[in-house]
Protein backbone atom coordinates (compact mmCIF):
# COMPACT_ATOMS: atom_id res chain seq x y z
CA SER A 1 271.37 207.04 -87.27
CA LYS A 2 273.55 204.85 -88.72
CA GLY A 3 277.47 206.71 -88.75
CA CYS A 4 280.21 205.53 -91.09
CA TYR A 5 281.76 202.31 -90.43
CA VAL A 6 285.52 201.90 -89.64
CA GLY A 7 287.73 201.98 -92.72
CA GLN A 8 284.92 203.52 -95.13
CA GLU A 9 286.50 206.59 -96.33
CA VAL A 10 289.67 204.10 -97.53
CA ILE A 11 287.03 202.26 -99.37
CA ALA A 12 285.54 204.64 -101.14
CA ARG A 13 288.76 206.89 -102.13
CA MET A 14 289.91 202.81 -103.48
CA GLU A 15 286.57 202.18 -105.46
CA THR A 16 286.64 206.15 -106.73
CA HIS A 17 290.37 205.85 -108.00
CA GLN A 18 290.18 202.07 -108.98
CA ARG A 19 294.27 201.65 -107.56
CA LEU A 20 295.34 200.78 -104.02
CA ALA A 21 297.87 203.03 -102.33
CA LYS A 22 300.09 200.56 -100.43
CA ARG A 23 300.05 196.35 -101.07
CA LEU A 24 301.38 193.76 -98.52
CA VAL A 25 304.35 192.41 -99.50
CA ILE A 26 306.77 189.80 -98.68
CA ILE A 27 310.32 190.64 -98.44
CA SER A 28 313.62 188.54 -98.02
CA CYS A 29 317.22 189.59 -96.39
CA ASP A 30 320.27 188.29 -95.92
CA CYS A 31 320.71 188.95 -92.48
CA GLY A 32 323.83 186.26 -92.06
CA ALA A 33 326.69 187.16 -94.18
CA GLY A 34 328.65 189.86 -92.78
CA ASN A 35 325.80 191.51 -91.22
CA SER A 36 325.60 188.96 -87.82
CA ASN A 37 324.24 191.87 -85.66
CA LEU A 38 321.37 193.02 -87.96
CA ASP A 39 317.68 191.98 -87.60
CA MET A 40 314.37 193.75 -89.07
CA ALA A 41 311.95 194.38 -86.66
CA ARG A 42 308.39 195.62 -86.45
CA GLY A 43 307.98 199.16 -87.39
CA ASP A 44 311.33 199.11 -89.31
CA GLU A 45 311.26 201.90 -92.30
CA VAL A 46 311.24 200.32 -95.90
CA TRP A 47 312.92 202.90 -98.75
CA ALA A 48 313.63 202.43 -102.43
CA ASP A 49 315.63 204.67 -104.65
CA GLY A 50 316.23 207.26 -101.85
CA THR A 51 312.52 207.56 -100.71
CA ARG A 52 310.75 205.96 -97.94
CA VAL A 53 307.96 203.71 -99.05
CA GLY A 54 306.86 201.96 -96.08
CA GLN A 55 306.93 199.62 -93.37
CA ILE A 56 307.61 196.67 -91.67
CA THR A 57 304.69 194.88 -89.71
CA SER A 58 306.18 191.57 -88.63
CA VAL A 59 309.56 189.66 -89.06
CA ALA A 60 309.91 185.51 -89.35
CA PRO A 61 313.46 184.10 -89.12
CA LEU A 62 314.50 181.43 -91.23
CA ALA A 63 315.77 178.32 -89.73
CA ASP A 64 319.30 178.67 -90.97
CA GLN A 65 319.08 182.41 -88.99
CA ALA A 66 320.82 184.07 -92.04
CA ARG A 67 317.87 185.12 -94.29
CA GLN A 68 314.60 186.80 -92.77
CA LYS A 69 311.22 187.22 -94.49
CA ALA A 70 309.24 190.05 -93.33
CA LEU A 71 305.61 191.31 -94.18
CA ALA A 72 305.50 194.88 -95.26
CA TYR A 73 303.19 197.41 -96.52
CA VAL A 74 305.19 199.25 -99.55
CA LYS A 75 303.74 201.91 -102.45
CA THR A 76 302.25 199.87 -105.14
CA GLY A 77 305.25 201.07 -107.15
CA VAL A 78 307.65 198.99 -105.46
CA ALA A 79 305.47 196.00 -104.94
CA GLU A 80 306.69 193.56 -107.41
CA PRO A 81 308.59 190.90 -107.16
CA GLY A 82 312.24 191.13 -107.39
CA SER A 83 311.93 195.09 -106.52
CA LYS A 84 315.10 196.02 -104.33
CA LEU A 85 314.73 197.82 -100.97
CA VAL A 86 316.98 199.05 -97.97
CA ILE A 87 315.53 198.40 -94.79
CA VAL A 88 316.58 201.41 -92.19
CA ALA A 89 316.40 199.25 -89.10
CA ARG A 90 317.62 199.99 -85.65
CA SER A 91 320.99 198.51 -85.90
CA GLY A 92 321.72 199.59 -89.57
CA GLU A 93 321.09 199.32 -93.39
CA LEU A 94 320.02 196.09 -94.50
CA ALA A 95 319.40 195.03 -98.61
CA ALA A 96 316.44 193.39 -99.28
CA GLU A 97 314.29 192.12 -101.97
CA VAL A 98 310.35 191.59 -102.65
CA VAL A 99 309.70 187.89 -102.87
CA ALA A 100 305.93 188.06 -103.40
CA VAL A 101 302.95 190.21 -103.11
CA SER A 102 299.86 189.46 -100.81
CA GLY A 103 296.34 188.96 -103.13
């Protein structure tokens, strides 16, 4: 009488294959120097080496407004600190970098 719980299929695949498809990372972008009209936003695509690797989930501007940090789910292959990324924002492309990986 009990059905599947939400997310059960994903958990089962992770346990079977012993790996995650995506990781939550913190990325940083210099949106100040020369990019005064460019900002990251929730839903923007994340690219690496010409391939779409993820999506921004939330953005937080820093106090100086020149840099932004964001959370994004990206493929595990680029989920390493120092990985170079491109954010395809509504207003243009932004260079970004992974600064930390969640848990």
